[in-house]
Structure formats: structure tokens, C-alpha cells
Amino acid sequence: MTFGQGVRGALILGLFSLLAACSTVGGAGVRGTVAGRGEDRPPVVKDPAPIVSGTMRPYQVRGRWYTPKEQPDYEEVGMASWYGDAFNGRPTSTGERFDMHALTAAHKTLPLPGLVEVTNLENGRRLVVRINDRGPFVDSRIIDLSREAASELGMLSQGVGRVRVRYLGRAPQQGGGTLLRASAPAPRSAVPATTPVVAEVTTFWVQAGSFSDQVEAGRIADSLSGWVRADRGAGRFNVVVGPWDSANAAEAARQSVVARGYAGALLISGS
């Protein structure tokens, strides 16, 4: 081998070594390093998806009105729950399909689709999720996570957990879910004592309308695959569809009933 060949070979070897080093650094930033799990900071969105206009209108669930709006400084501490198999593949409020294996979530009023950072205050785990659905419609809860998001935050077994939610802004055209490095959990003394959470068993129905004519009510109930609940005292026949065990699913059904021409459809519930 000549001197020139030796120099050229050394340069090529050095170049491969440099590429290998760059590859190692880039890969570590995606899923974690020895110092922690996930990235240091939320992703930068360069291709924000437009807000789905229909999701920004005021809406009513269980007699309560919710008004979606831009909330650039939104940050809230509260309880998170999660949903999974029963809704996998169903359309979300944005029209996207719910994927329980993706890092997504539902929120009552933030713009859709958007990104929020969620921190489990019990163990310090953090992640960014794509908000693409409405809910949870339970007063004590501020966000409803996908099964995967709940698993990554260490909340899967208990069903609920105390979290901090911080709005980051618009979501990208697709995805946006990212694992972040765990932060130090809140000291136990800083977390106020709470009563153990008891799972609430609630059933939801959609009332398409109330009619004085029993035959007409029956016809409408058949067209909606529902049934008639008679209110003999008031002489009314209520057309009801359902039940569902989730307010999210029931609200999606209510919107479908409204689209069928029953603008006064109501979401009703009972234990």
C-alpha cells in the first residue's frame, strides 16, 4: 500500500467514526439517555394543523355549558383519567380516529388539535400528548388520556392520577406525542391529602326528543335504533338512544343524532 492510499484509508476510517458518533447522539435524544428518559423539551411545531372550527363552538353536556377558546397561558393541576379498548378506532371530536396506542388525550375547552405537557405529580414522569377529543365530563377530572399515555405516566393500574397540564400550542399535522425526561416528583408534604378516589359508575343516554304522540315517538325511536321512555304524568313520550358508559362516546352519539335533524337532542345520565 502506498503512502497516498494509507492517508486516504485513514481519512475514510475517521469519517465513518464521526458519522457513528453523530448517529449515537441523535438516537439518544429520541428515546432517552442515561441521565433520563425521553427528550429535554417539548417538540417545536413547524407545520401546525388548523383548528377544527366545529370544535370551538360552545356545547352542553349534562346540563352544563363548555366554551372552547384559545388559552395560551393555560396550566392546571387536577386529576387525570384514561380511556382505551372500548373507544379504539372510533372518531374523536377532530374527526381523527382514536388510537389507544398513541400519545393522545381529551380536554374540555382547549383548541383542537393541540399539544399539552402532562406531568404525573406522584412520580415526576412527563410527556407531551396530542389533544384531539373532548372530555372528560366529570367535574373532578381535567384530562382524559389514551391508554398508552396513562401507561407511560405510570397511571394505568390505578385508573386516575394527580397531574399538571400545561398548554403548549397548536399540534402538528400528525402526531406530536413525545416522551420527556422525568422531573423530580412533588414532595409528599406539598401534595394535600385527598380522599381516595372511588370509581364513579355512571350511565349516559341521548334523548333525541320528547313527543306527545306515542306512535310518532315509536317511529323515530325505530329510525334511531333507540327506544321510548314514557312519562305518563306529563303525557310525553321521550325517544332515548343508548346507553353508554362514557360521556365522550355519548356526546359523539348526541352530535350524530343532531346531524340526523334532532337539534334539541340532550345528553342525560344516571348512576
C-alpha atoms as a PDB file:
ATOM      1  CA  MET A   1       0.000   0.000   0.000  1.00  0.00           C
ATOM      2  CA  THR A   2       1.357   3.421  -1.000  1.00  0.00           C
ATOM      3  CA  PHE A   3       1.563   6.468   1.286  1.00  0.00           C
ATOM      4  CA  GLY A   4      -1.367   8.093  -0.567  1.00  0.00           C
ATOM      5  CA  GLN A   5      -3.532   5.020  -0.142  1.00  0.00           C
ATOM      6  CA  GLY A   6      -2.732   4.916   3.574  1.00  0.00           C
ATOM      7  CA  VAL A   7      -3.735   8.557   4.093  1.00  0.00           C
ATOM      8  CA  ARG A   8      -6.939   8.046   2.116  1.00  0.00           C
ATOM      9  CA  GLY A   9      -7.808   4.981   4.171  1.00  0.00           C
ATOM     10  CA  ALA A  10      -7.223   6.826   7.435  1.00  0.00           C
ATOM     11  CA  LEU A  11      -9.476   9.676   6.306  1.00  0.00           C
ATOM     12  CA  ILE A  12     -12.282   7.273   5.359  1.00  0.00           C
ATOM     13  CA  LEU A  13     -11.976   5.458   8.704  1.00  0.00           C
ATOM     14  CA  GLY A  14     -12.096   8.792  10.537  1.00  0.00           C
ATOM     15  CA  LEU A  15     -15.195   9.841   8.591  1.00  0.00           C
ATOM     16  CA  PHE A  16     -17.048   6.633   9.491  1.00  0.00           C
ATOM     17  CA  SER A  17     -16.131   7.120  13.150  1.00  0.00           C
ATOM     18  CA  LEU A  18     -17.512  10.674  13.083  1.00  0.00           C
ATOM     19  CA  LEU A  19     -20.777   9.535  11.454  1.00  0.00           C
ATOM     20  CA  ALA A  20     -21.176   6.798  14.046  1.00  0.00           C
ATOM     21  CA  ALA A  21     -20.706   9.307  16.861  1.00  0.00           C
ATOM     22  CA  CYS A  22     -23.324  11.682  15.363  1.00  0.00           C
ATOM     23  CA  SER A  23     -25.745   8.796  14.942  1.00  0.00           C
ATOM     24  CA  THR A  24     -25.350   7.817  18.603  1.00  0.00           C
ATOM     25  CA  VAL A  25     -26.045  11.340  19.854  1.00  0.00           C
ATOM     26  CA  GLY A  26     -29.117  11.776  17.638  1.00  0.00           C
ATOM     27  CA  GLY A  27     -30.596   8.420  18.617  1.00  0.00           C
ATOM     28  CA  ALA A  28     -30.168   9.095  22.328  1.00  0.00           C
ATOM     29  CA  GLY A  29     -32.184  12.291  22.043  1.00  0.00           C
ATOM     30  CA  VAL A  30     -35.227  10.468  20.690  1.00  0.00           C
ATOM     31  CA  ARG A  31     -35.976   7.901  23.387  1.00  0.00           C
ATOM     32  CA  GLY A  32     -33.692   8.796  26.269  1.00  0.00           C
ATOM     33  CA  THR A  33     -30.192   8.821  27.709  1.00  0.00           C
ATOM     34  CA  VAL A  34     -28.507   7.539  30.837  1.00  0.00           C
ATOM     35  CA  ALA A  35     -29.446  10.817  32.529  1.00  0.00           C
ATOM     36  CA  GLY A  36     -33.160  10.400  31.891  1.00  0.00           C
ATOM     37  CA  ARG A  37     -35.942   9.072  29.707  1.00  0.00           C
ATOM     38  CA  GLY A  38     -37.156  10.987  26.687  1.00  0.00           C
ATOM     39  CA  GLU A  39     -36.328  14.443  25.368  1.00  0.00           C
ATOM     40  CA  ASP A  40     -35.394  17.501  27.388  1.00  0.00           C
ATOM     41  CA  ARG A  41     -38.084  19.772  25.997  1.00  0.00           C
ATOM     42  CA  PRO A  42     -41.344  19.637  24.013  1.00  0.00           C
ATOM     43  CA  PRO A  43     -41.102  19.381  20.213  1.00  0.00           C
ATOM     44  CA  VAL A  44     -41.069  22.508  18.045  1.00  0.00           C
ATOM     45  CA  VAL A  45     -44.105  22.513  15.743  1.00  0.00           C
ATOM     46  CA  LYS A  46     -43.211  23.801  12.273  1.00  0.00           C
ATOM     47  CA  ASP A  47     -46.336  22.577  10.452  1.00  0.00           C
ATOM     48  CA  PRO A  48     -49.283  23.412  12.771  1.00  0.00           C
ATOM     49  CA  ALA A  49     -52.606  21.866  11.861  1.00  0.00           C
ATOM     50  CA  PRO A  50     -55.544  24.284  11.571  1.00  0.00           C
ATOM     51  CA  ILE A  51     -58.024  24.319  14.439  1.00  0.00           C
ATOM     52  CA  VAL A  52     -61.082  22.229  13.601  1.00  0.00           C
ATOM     53  CA  SER A  53     -63.680  25.020  13.551  1.00  0.00           C
ATOM     54  CA  GLY A  54     -66.629  22.928  14.679  1.00  0.00           C
ATOM     55  CA  THR A  55     -64.832  22.052  17.925  1.00  0.00           C
ATOM     56  CA  MET A  56     -64.651  25.694  19.058  1.00  0.00           C
ATOM     57  CA  ARG A  57     -68.406  26.212  19.429  1.00  0.00           C
ATOM     58  CA  PRO A  58     -69.960  26.254  22.927  1.00  0.00           C
ATOM     59  CA  TYR A  59     -71.578  22.911  23.763  1.00  0.00           C
ATOM     60  CA  GLN A  60     -73.623  21.408  26.571  1.00  0.00           C
ATOM     61  CA  VAL A  61     -73.148  18.126  28.424  1.00  0.00           C
ATOM     62  CA  ARG A  62     -75.332  17.009  31.336  1.00  0.00           C
ATOM     63  CA  GLY A  63     -76.870  20.471  31.596  1.00  0.00           C
ATOM     64  CA  ARG A  64     -73.508  22.258  31.783  1.00  0.00           C
ATOM     65  CA  TRP A  65     -72.123  24.550  29.091  1.00  0.00           C
ATOM     66  CA  TYR A  66     -68.487  24.476  27.965  1.00  0.00           C
ATOM     67  CA  THR A  67     -66.870  27.254  25.886  1.00  0.00           C
ATOM     68  CA  PRO A  68     -63.714  26.238  23.987  1.00  0.00           C
ATOM     69  CA  LYS A  69     -61.224  29.067  23.462  1.00  0.00           C
ATOM     70  CA  GLU A  70     -57.572  29.923  22.952  1.00  0.00           C
ATOM     71  CA  GLN A  71     -55.780  29.677  26.312  1.00  0.00           C
ATOM     72  CA  PRO A  72     -52.068  30.380  25.688  1.00  0.00           C
ATOM     73  CA  ASP A  73     -51.248  30.561  29.420  1.00  0.00           C
ATOM     74  CA  TYR A  74     -53.310  27.535  30.443  1.00  0.00           C
ATOM     75  CA  GLU A  75     -51.780  25.487  33.264  1.00  0.00           C
ATOM     76  CA  GLU A  76     -53.860  23.447  35.694  1.00  0.00           C
ATOM     77  CA  VAL A  77     -53.360  20.814  38.387  1.00  0.00           C
ATOM     78  CA  GLY A  78     -56.023  18.184  38.855  1.00  0.00           C
ATOM     79  CA  MET A  79     -56.987  14.562  38.291  1.00  0.00           C
ATOM     80  CA  ALA A  80     -56.431  12.654  35.045  1.00  0.00           C
ATOM     81  CA  SER A  81     -58.272   9.540  33.906  1.00  0.00           C
ATOM     82  CA  TRP A  82     -57.788   7.357  30.815  1.00  0.00           C
ATOM     83  CA  TYR A  83     -59.775   5.517  28.143  1.00  0.00           C
ATOM     84  CA  GLY A  84     -58.853   2.656  25.856  1.00  0.00           C
ATOM     85  CA  ASP A  85     -60.264  -0.501  24.269  1.00  0.00           C
ATOM     86  CA  ALA A  86     -63.946   0.474  24.283  1.00  0.00           C
ATOM     87  CA  PHE A  87     -63.239   3.515  22.078  1.00  0.00           C
ATOM     88  CA  ASN A  88     -60.292   2.325  19.999  1.00  0.00           C
ATOM     89  CA  GLY A  89     -60.852   3.167  16.340  1.00  0.00           C
ATOM     90  CA  ARG A  90     -63.828   5.453  16.956  1.00  0.00           C
ATOM     91  CA  PRO A  91     -63.792   9.022  15.627  1.00  0.00           C
ATOM     92  CA  THR A  92     -62.641  11.752  18.004  1.00  0.00           C
ATOM     93  CA  SER A  93     -64.009  15.311  18.099  1.00  0.00           C
ATOM     94  CA  THR A  94     -61.487  16.365  15.416  1.00  0.00           C
ATOM     95  CA  GLY A  95     -62.560  13.539  13.110  1.00  0.00           C
ATOM     96  CA  GLU A  96     -59.316  11.643  13.725  1.00  0.00           C
ATOM     97  CA  ARG A  97     -59.564   8.000  14.748  1.00  0.00           C
ATOM     98  CA  PHE A  98     -58.858   7.334  18.400  1.00  0.00           C
ATOM     99  CA  ASP A  99     -55.742   5.188  18.746  1.00  0.00           C
ATOM    100  CA  MET A 100     -55.305   3.962  22.305  1.00  0.00           C
ATOM    101  CA  HIS A 101     -51.652   3.144  21.499  1.00  0.00           C
ATOM    102  CA  ALA A 102     -50.833   6.753  20.545  1.00  0.00           C
ATOM    103  CA  LEU A 103     -49.976   9.591  22.930  1.00  0.00           C
ATOM    104  CA  THR A 104     -53.280  11.493  22.756  1.00  0.00           C
ATOM    105  CA  ALA A 105     -55.879  12.886  25.149  1.00  0.00           C
ATOM    106  CA  ALA A 106     -59.221  14.646  25.536  1.00  0.00           C
ATOM    107  CA  HIS A 107     -59.786  18.096  27.062  1.00  0.00           C
ATOM    108  CA  LYS A 108     -62.991  20.085  27.589  1.00  0.00           C
ATOM    109  CA  THR A 109     -62.046  23.527  26.225  1.00  0.00           C
ATOM    110  CA  LEU A 110     -58.546  23.744  24.686  1.00  0.00           C
ATOM    111  CA  PRO A 111     -58.282  24.236  20.890  1.00  0.00           C
ATOM    112  CA  LEU A 112     -58.273  21.042  18.819  1.00  0.00           C
ATOM    113  CA  PRO A 113     -55.889  19.683  17.786  1.00  0.00           C
ATOM    114  CA  GLY A 114     -53.362  20.990  20.293  1.00  0.00           C
ATOM    115  CA  LEU A 115     -50.416  19.869  22.373  1.00  0.00           C
ATOM    116  CA  VAL A 116     -50.164  19.784  26.160  1.00  0.00           C
ATOM    117  CA  GLU A 117     -47.414  18.712  28.526  1.00  0.00           C
ATOM    118  CA  VAL A 118     -48.683  16.357  31.230  1.00  0.00           C
ATOM    119  CA  THR A 119     -46.685  15.651  34.399  1.00  0.00           C
ATOM    120  CA  ASN A 120     -47.594  12.924  36.876  1.00  0.00           C
ATOM    121  CA  LEU A 121     -47.056  14.696  40.200  1.00  0.00           C
ATOM    122  CA  GLU A 122     -46.640  11.393  42.045  1.00  0.00           C
ATOM    123  CA  ASN A 123     -43.616  10.087  40.131  1.00  0.00           C
ATOM    124  CA  GLY A 124     -42.365  13.028  38.031  1.00  0.00           C
ATOM    125  CA  ARG A 125     -42.940  11.342  34.660  1.00  0.00           C
ATOM    126  CA  ARG A 126     -43.684  13.775  31.835  1.00  0.00           C
ATOM    127  CA  LEU A 127     -44.911  13.582  28.260  1.00  0.00           C
ATOM    128  CA  VAL A 128     -46.485  15.640  25.503  1.00  0.00           C
ATOM    129  CA  VAL A 129     -49.833  14.457  24.164  1.00  0.00           C
ATOM    130  CA  ARG A 130     -51.950  15.470  21.184  1.00  0.00           C
ATOM    131  CA  ILE A 131     -55.357  16.783  22.283  1.00  0.00           C
ATOM    132  CA  ASN A 132     -57.878  15.627  19.661  1.00  0.00           C
ATOM    133  CA  ASP A 133     -61.050  14.901  21.645  1.00  0.00           C
ATOM    134  CA  ARG A 134     -63.465  16.466  24.142  1.00  0.00           C
ATOM    135  CA  GLY A 135     -63.838  15.296  27.739  1.00  0.00           C
ATOM    136  CA  PRO A 136     -63.699  14.111  30.468  1.00  0.00           C
ATOM    137  CA  PHE A 137     -67.118  15.322  31.605  1.00  0.00           C
ATOM    138  CA  VAL A 138     -66.537  14.654  35.284  1.00  0.00           C
ATOM    139  CA  ASP A 139     -66.023  17.722  37.478  1.00  0.00           C
ATOM    140  CA  SER A 140     -63.055  16.317  39.384  1.00  0.00           C
ATOM    141  CA  ARG A 141     -61.007  15.487  36.267  1.00  0.00           C
ATOM    142  CA  ILE A 142     -59.190  17.825  33.904  1.00  0.00           C
ATOM    143  CA  ILE A 143     -57.868  15.488  31.182  1.00  0.00           C
ATOM    144  CA  ASP A 144     -58.665  12.057  29.741  1.00  0.00           C
ATOM    145  CA  LEU A 145     -55.537  10.246  28.488  1.00  0.00           C
ATOM    146  CA  SER A 146     -55.165   7.472  25.951  1.00  0.00           C
ATOM    147  CA  ARG A 147     -54.205   4.086  27.362  1.00  0.00           C
ATOM    148  CA  GLU A 148     -50.632   4.489  26.101  1.00  0.00           C
ATOM    149  CA  ALA A 149     -50.256   7.940  27.672  1.00  0.00           C
ATOM    150  CA  ALA A 150     -51.579   6.648  31.003  1.00  0.00           C
ATOM    151  CA  SER A 151     -49.168   3.712  30.818  1.00  0.00           C
ATOM    152  CA  GLU A 152     -46.164   5.961  30.154  1.00  0.00           C
ATOM    153  CA  LEU A 153     -47.148   8.166  33.095  1.00  0.00           C
ATOM    154  CA  GLY A 154     -47.481   5.136  35.390  1.00  0.00           C
ATOM    155  CA  MET A 155     -51.242   5.612  35.930  1.00  0.00           C
ATOM    156  CA  LEU A 156     -52.623   2.531  34.215  1.00  0.00           C
ATOM    157  CA  SER A 157     -53.285   0.323  37.250  1.00  0.00           C
ATOM    158  CA  GLN A 158     -54.947   2.916  39.491  1.00  0.00           C
ATOM    159  CA  GLY A 159     -57.054   4.444  36.700  1.00  0.00           C
ATOM    160  CA  VAL A 160     -56.589   8.052  37.825  1.00  0.00           C
ATOM    161  CA  GLY A 161     -53.697  10.218  38.945  1.00  0.00           C
ATOM    162  CA  ARG A 162     -52.847  13.750  40.012  1.00  0.00           C
ATOM    163  CA  VAL A 163     -51.235  15.682  37.165  1.00  0.00           C
ATOM    164  CA  ARG A 164     -50.175  19.096  35.956  1.00  0.00           C
ATOM    165  CA  VAL A 165     -51.366  20.017  32.449  1.00  0.00           C
ATOM    166  CA  ARG A 166     -49.685  22.841  30.528  1.00  0.00           C
ATOM    167  CA  TYR A 167     -50.863  24.026  27.095  1.00  0.00           C
ATOM    168  CA  LEU A 168     -48.066  24.206  24.502  1.00  0.00           C
ATOM    169  CA  GLY A 169     -49.974  25.419  21.444  1.00  0.00           C
ATOM    170  CA  ARG A 170     -51.103  24.012  18.108  1.00  0.00           C
ATOM    171  CA  ALA A 171     -50.420  20.402  17.222  1.00  0.00           C
ATOM    172  CA  PRO A 172     -48.597  19.399  14.029  1.00  0.00           C
ATOM    173  CA  GLN A 173     -50.462  17.958  11.059  1.00  0.00           C
ATOM    174  CA  GLN A 174     -49.947  14.489  12.533  1.00  0.00           C
ATOM    175  CA  GLY A 175     -48.722  13.083  15.829  1.00  0.00           C
ATOM    176  CA  GLY A 176     -46.904  15.312  18.285  1.00  0.00           C
ATOM    177  CA  GLY A 177     -46.809  12.878  21.208  1.00  0.00           C
ATOM    178  CA  THR A 178     -43.371  12.794  22.827  1.00  0.00           C
ATOM    179  CA  LEU A 179     -41.850  11.276  25.952  1.00  0.00           C
ATOM    180  CA  LEU A 180     -39.976  13.783  28.123  1.00  0.00           C
ATOM    181  CA  ARG A 181     -37.352  13.221  30.753  1.00  0.00           C
ATOM    182  CA  ALA A 182     -38.825  12.669  34.182  1.00  0.00           C
ATOM    183  CA  SER A 183     -38.721  15.615  36.553  1.00  0.00           C
ATOM    184  CA  ALA A 184     -38.445  15.327  40.313  1.00  0.00           C
ATOM    185  CA  PRO A 185     -41.818  14.337  41.815  1.00  0.00           C
ATOM    186  CA  ALA A 186     -43.535  16.806  44.114  1.00  0.00           C
ATOM    187  CA  PRO A 187     -42.595  16.311  47.775  1.00  0.00           C
ATOM    188  CA  ARG A 188     -45.213  14.334  49.646  1.00  0.00           C
ATOM    189  CA  SER A 189     -45.694  17.211  52.084  1.00  0.00           C
ATOM    190  CA  ALA A 190     -46.551  19.520  49.183  1.00  0.00           C
ATOM    191  CA  VAL A 191     -49.357  17.291  47.972  1.00  0.00           C
ATOM    192  CA  PRO A 192     -52.501  17.874  50.031  1.00  0.00           C
ATOM    193  CA  ALA A 193     -54.153  14.805  51.482  1.00  0.00           C
ATOM    194  CA  THR A 194     -57.104  13.690  49.427  1.00  0.00           C
ATOM    195  CA  THR A 195     -59.907  11.260  49.887  1.00  0.00           C
ATOM    196  CA  PRO A 196     -59.261   8.047  47.953  1.00  0.00           C
ATOM    197  CA  VAL A 197     -60.874   8.229  44.532  1.00  0.00           C
ATOM    198  CA  VAL A 198     -63.821   5.899  44.150  1.00  0.00           C
ATOM    199  CA  ALA A 199     -64.695   4.896  40.624  1.00  0.00           C
ATOM    200  CA  GLU A 200     -67.924   6.548  39.560  1.00  0.00           C
ATOM    201  CA  VAL A 201     -70.333   4.226  37.794  1.00  0.00           C
ATOM    202  CA  THR A 202     -72.408   6.443  35.531  1.00  0.00           C
ATOM    203  CA  THR A 203     -74.505   5.567  32.515  1.00  0.00           C
ATOM    204  CA  PHE A 204     -75.244   8.028  29.716  1.00  0.00           C
ATOM    205  CA  TRP A 205     -78.092   8.237  27.212  1.00  0.00           C
ATOM    206  CA  VAL A 206     -79.071  10.604  24.427  1.00  0.00           C
ATOM    207  CA  GLN A 207     -82.635  11.924  24.452  1.00  0.00           C
ATOM    208  CA  ALA A 208     -83.456  12.769  20.853  1.00  0.00           C
ATOM    209  CA  GLY A 209     -86.722  14.491  21.723  1.00  0.00           C
ATOM    210  CA  SER A 210     -89.966  14.462  23.667  1.00  0.00           C
ATOM    211  CA  PHE A 211     -93.267  13.873  21.851  1.00  0.00           C
ATOM    212  CA  SER A 212     -96.964  13.856  22.682  1.00  0.00           C
ATOM    213  CA  ASP A 213     -97.762  11.250  20.007  1.00  0.00           C
ATOM    214  CA  GLN A 214     -96.708   7.754  21.065  1.00  0.00           C
ATOM    215  CA  VAL A 215     -96.850   6.386  17.505  1.00  0.00           C
ATOM    216  CA  GLU A 216     -94.638   9.195  16.208  1.00  0.00           C
ATOM    217  CA  ALA A 217     -92.197   8.653  19.076  1.00  0.00           C
ATOM    218  CA  GLY A 218     -92.041   4.952  18.259  1.00  0.00           C
ATOM    219  CA  ARG A 219     -91.346   5.634  14.599  1.00  0.00           C
ATOM    220  CA  ILE A 220     -88.484   7.995  15.456  1.00  0.00           C
ATOM    221  CA  ALA A 221     -87.092   5.557  18.018  1.00  0.00           C
ATOM    222  CA  ASP A 222     -87.004   2.822  15.374  1.00  0.00           C
ATOM    223  CA  SER A 223     -85.175   5.089  12.911  1.00  0.00           C
ATOM    224  CA  LEU A 224     -82.535   5.886  15.525  1.00  0.00           C
ATOM    225  CA  SER A 225     -82.277   2.328  16.901  1.00  0.00           C
ATOM    226  CA  GLY A 226     -83.491   3.706  20.216  1.00  0.00           C
ATOM    227  CA  TRP A 227     -86.468   3.185  22.469  1.00  0.00           C
ATOM    228  CA  VAL A 228     -89.353   5.109  24.013  1.00  0.00           C
ATOM    229  CA  ARG A 229     -89.457   6.118  27.671  1.00  0.00           C
ATOM    230  CA  ALA A 230     -92.990   7.101  28.630  1.00  0.00           C
ATOM    231  CA  ASP A 231     -93.570   9.990  31.024  1.00  0.00           C
ATOM    232  CA  ARG A 232     -97.222   9.270  31.824  1.00  0.00           C
ATOM    233  CA  GLY A 233     -97.553  12.116  34.300  1.00  0.00           C
ATOM    234  CA  ALA A 234     -96.623  14.696  31.675  1.00  0.00           C
ATOM    235  CA  GLY A 235     -98.270  12.834  28.814  1.00  0.00           C
ATOM    236  CA  ARG A 236     -94.975  12.753  26.920  1.00  0.00           C
ATOM    237  CA  PHE A 237     -93.005  10.033  25.176  1.00  0.00           C
ATOM    238  CA  ASN A 238     -89.248  10.521  25.203  1.00  0.00           C
ATOM    239  CA  VAL A 239     -87.099   8.934  22.496  1.00  0.00           C
ATOM    240  CA  VAL A 240     -83.864   7.680  24.049  1.00  0.00           C
ATOM    241  CA  VAL A 241     -80.734   6.197  22.471  1.00  0.00           C
ATOM    242  CA  GLY A 242     -78.042   4.322  24.365  1.00  0.00           C
ATOM    243  CA  PRO A 243     -76.772   3.605  26.928  1.00  0.00           C
ATOM    244  CA  TRP A 244     -73.028   4.328  27.034  1.00  0.00           C
ATOM    245  CA  ASP A 245     -70.645   4.148  29.975  1.00  0.00           C
ATOM    246  CA  SER A 246     -68.638   7.154  28.785  1.00  0.00           C
ATOM    247  CA  ALA A 247     -69.719  10.760  28.378  1.00  0.00           C
ATOM    248  CA  ASN A 248     -67.285  11.073  25.459  1.00  0.00           C
ATOM    249  CA  ALA A 249     -68.992   8.297  23.495  1.00  0.00           C
ATOM    250  CA  ALA A 250     -72.457   9.548  24.421  1.00  0.00           C
ATOM    251  CA  GLU A 251     -71.611  13.099  23.319  1.00  0.00           C
ATOM    252  CA  ALA A 252     -70.383  11.771  19.969  1.00  0.00           C
ATOM    253  CA  ALA A 253     -73.695   9.920  19.623  1.00  0.00           C
ATOM    254  CA  ARG A 254     -75.637  13.082  20.555  1.00  0.00           C
ATOM    255  CA  GLN A 255     -73.881  15.019  17.810  1.00  0.00           C
ATOM    256  CA  SER A 256     -74.786  12.245  15.386  1.00  0.00           C
ATOM    257  CA  VAL A 257     -78.448  12.478  16.452  1.00  0.00           C
ATOM    258  CA  VAL A 258     -78.337  16.263  15.980  1.00  0.00           C
ATOM    259  CA  ALA A 259     -76.958  15.697  12.484  1.00  0.00           C
ATOM    260  CA  ARG A 260     -79.999  13.489  11.792  1.00  0.00           C
ATOM    261  CA  GLY A 261     -82.241  16.507  12.334  1.00  0.00           C
ATOM    262  CA  TYR A 262     -82.938  16.486  16.093  1.00  0.00           C
ATOM    263  CA  ALA A 263     -81.279  19.760  17.125  1.00  0.00           C
ATOM    264  CA  GLY A 264     -82.661  19.577  20.667  1.00  0.00           C
ATOM    265  CA  ALA A 265     -81.011  16.238  21.495  1.00  0.00           C
ATOM    266  CA  LEU A 266     -79.822  16.143  25.115  1.00  0.00           C
ATOM    267  CA  LEU A 267     -77.181  14.148  26.969  1.00  0.00           C
ATOM    268  CA  ILE A 268     -78.659  12.619  30.137  1.00  0.00           C
ATOM    269  CA  SER A 269     -77.069  10.473  32.795  1.00  0.00           C
ATOM    270  CA  GLY A 270     -77.773   8.401  35.863  1.00  0.00           C
ATOM    271  CA  SER A 271     -75.840   6.198  38.282  1.00  0.00           C
END
